[in-house]
Amino acid sequence: ARLGGGTTDEPAGDGQPLGLTARELEVLREVTNGRSNREIAETLVISVKTVSVHVSNILAKLGVAGRGEAAATAHRLHLFDDLA
């Protein structure tokens, strides 16, 4: 999978991996854990629509077609290995 034209695991200029915002990383972590948009919304106390927008942004930034590919990319890059 392509990673939006950037290098594979280099942090973006703002210090966030793959150019993702801190909130997008939170959402990606939940996606990686197999949670639905509704479950993510409840966990992060945001609307389901906001989660949907974040997921769309994540997919675009990672250059992937779906949630499964996004989760696979996160696993491959070990983005959440240090988190419980």
Protein backbone atom coordinates (compact mmCIF):
# COMPACT_ATOMS: atom_id res chain seq x y z
CA ALA A 1 0.00 0.00 0.00
CA ARG A 2 1.17 3.49 -0.79
CA LEU A 3 1.41 5.93 2.06
CA GLY A 4 0.20 9.15 0.54
CA GLY A 5 3.44 9.92 -1.28
CA GLY A 6 5.56 10.22 1.87
CA THR A 7 8.15 7.85 3.21
CA THR A 8 6.91 4.72 4.90
CA ASP A 9 7.30 5.43 8.59
CA GLU A 10 8.81 8.88 8.81
CA PRO A 11 7.00 11.32 11.08
CA ALA A 12 5.39 14.31 9.40
CA GLY A 13 6.74 17.79 9.99
CA ASP A 14 4.40 18.23 12.95
CA GLY A 15 5.86 15.17 14.67
CA GLN A 16 2.82 12.96 14.02
CA PRO A 17 3.29 9.65 12.17
CA LEU A 18 2.19 9.65 8.53
CA GLY A 19 0.84 13.20 8.77
CA LEU A 20 -2.06 12.10 10.96
CA THR A 21 -3.40 14.43 13.64
CA ALA A 22 -3.45 13.30 17.26
CA ARG A 23 -7.22 12.71 17.00
CA GLU A 24 -6.83 10.75 13.77
CA LEU A 25 -4.29 8.53 15.51
CA GLU A 26 -6.80 7.94 18.32
CA VAL A 27 -9.45 7.00 15.76
CA LEU A 28 -7.00 4.78 13.84
CA ARG A 29 -6.10 2.98 17.08
CA GLU A 30 -9.79 2.23 17.62
CA VAL A 31 -10.24 1.14 13.97
CA THR A 32 -7.23 -1.15 14.42
CA ASN A 33 -8.99 -2.66 17.44
CA GLY A 34 -11.97 -3.50 15.21
CA ARG A 35 -14.37 -0.93 16.63
CA SER A 36 -17.28 0.47 14.63
CA ASN A 37 -17.79 4.19 14.08
CA ARG A 38 -20.52 4.18 16.74
CA GLU A 39 -18.24 2.47 19.27
CA ILE A 40 -15.42 4.89 18.47
CA ALA A 41 -17.78 7.85 18.87
CA GLU A 42 -18.87 6.62 22.29
CA THR A 43 -15.30 5.97 23.42
CA LEU A 44 -13.94 9.35 22.25
CA VAL A 45 -17.14 11.29 23.10
CA ILE A 46 -17.56 12.67 19.59
CA SER A 47 -20.32 12.28 17.00
CA VAL A 48 -20.53 9.33 14.64
CA LYS A 49 -20.31 11.78 11.72
CA THR A 50 -17.07 13.22 13.12
CA VAL A 51 -15.64 9.71 13.37
CA SER A 52 -16.66 9.11 9.77
CA VAL A 53 -14.83 12.25 8.66
CA HIS A 54 -11.72 11.22 10.61
CA VAL A 55 -11.80 7.72 9.08
CA SER A 56 -12.10 9.22 5.58
CA ASN A 57 -9.14 11.51 6.27
CA ILE A 58 -7.10 8.59 7.63
CA LEU A 59 -7.79 6.46 4.55
CA ALA A 60 -6.79 9.33 2.27
CA LYS A 61 -3.59 10.09 4.19
CA LEU A 62 -2.57 6.44 4.25
CA GLY A 63 -3.49 5.95 0.60
CA VAL A 64 -5.62 2.90 1.37
CA ALA A 65 -9.08 1.84 0.24
CA GLY A 66 -10.62 0.64 3.49
CA ARG A 67 -10.51 0.19 7.24
CA GLY A 68 -8.87 -3.23 6.98
CA GLU A 69 -6.00 -1.84 4.93
CA ALA A 70 -5.64 1.07 7.36
CA ALA A 71 -5.46 -1.35 10.30
CA ALA A 72 -2.95 -3.53 8.44
CA THR A 73 -0.79 -0.48 7.73
CA ALA A 74 -0.88 0.54 11.39
CA HIS A 75 0.14 -2.99 12.42
CA ARG A 76 2.88 -3.20 9.78
CA LEU A 77 4.35 0.11 10.94
CA HIS A 78 4.00 -0.86 14.63
CA LEU A 79 2.16 2.40 15.36
CA PHE A 80 0.48 1.12 18.51
CA ASP A 81 2.87 -1.55 19.77
CA ASP A 82 3.79 0.50 22.84
CA LEU A 83 0.15 1.08 23.85
CA ALA A 84 -1.88 -1.20 26.02
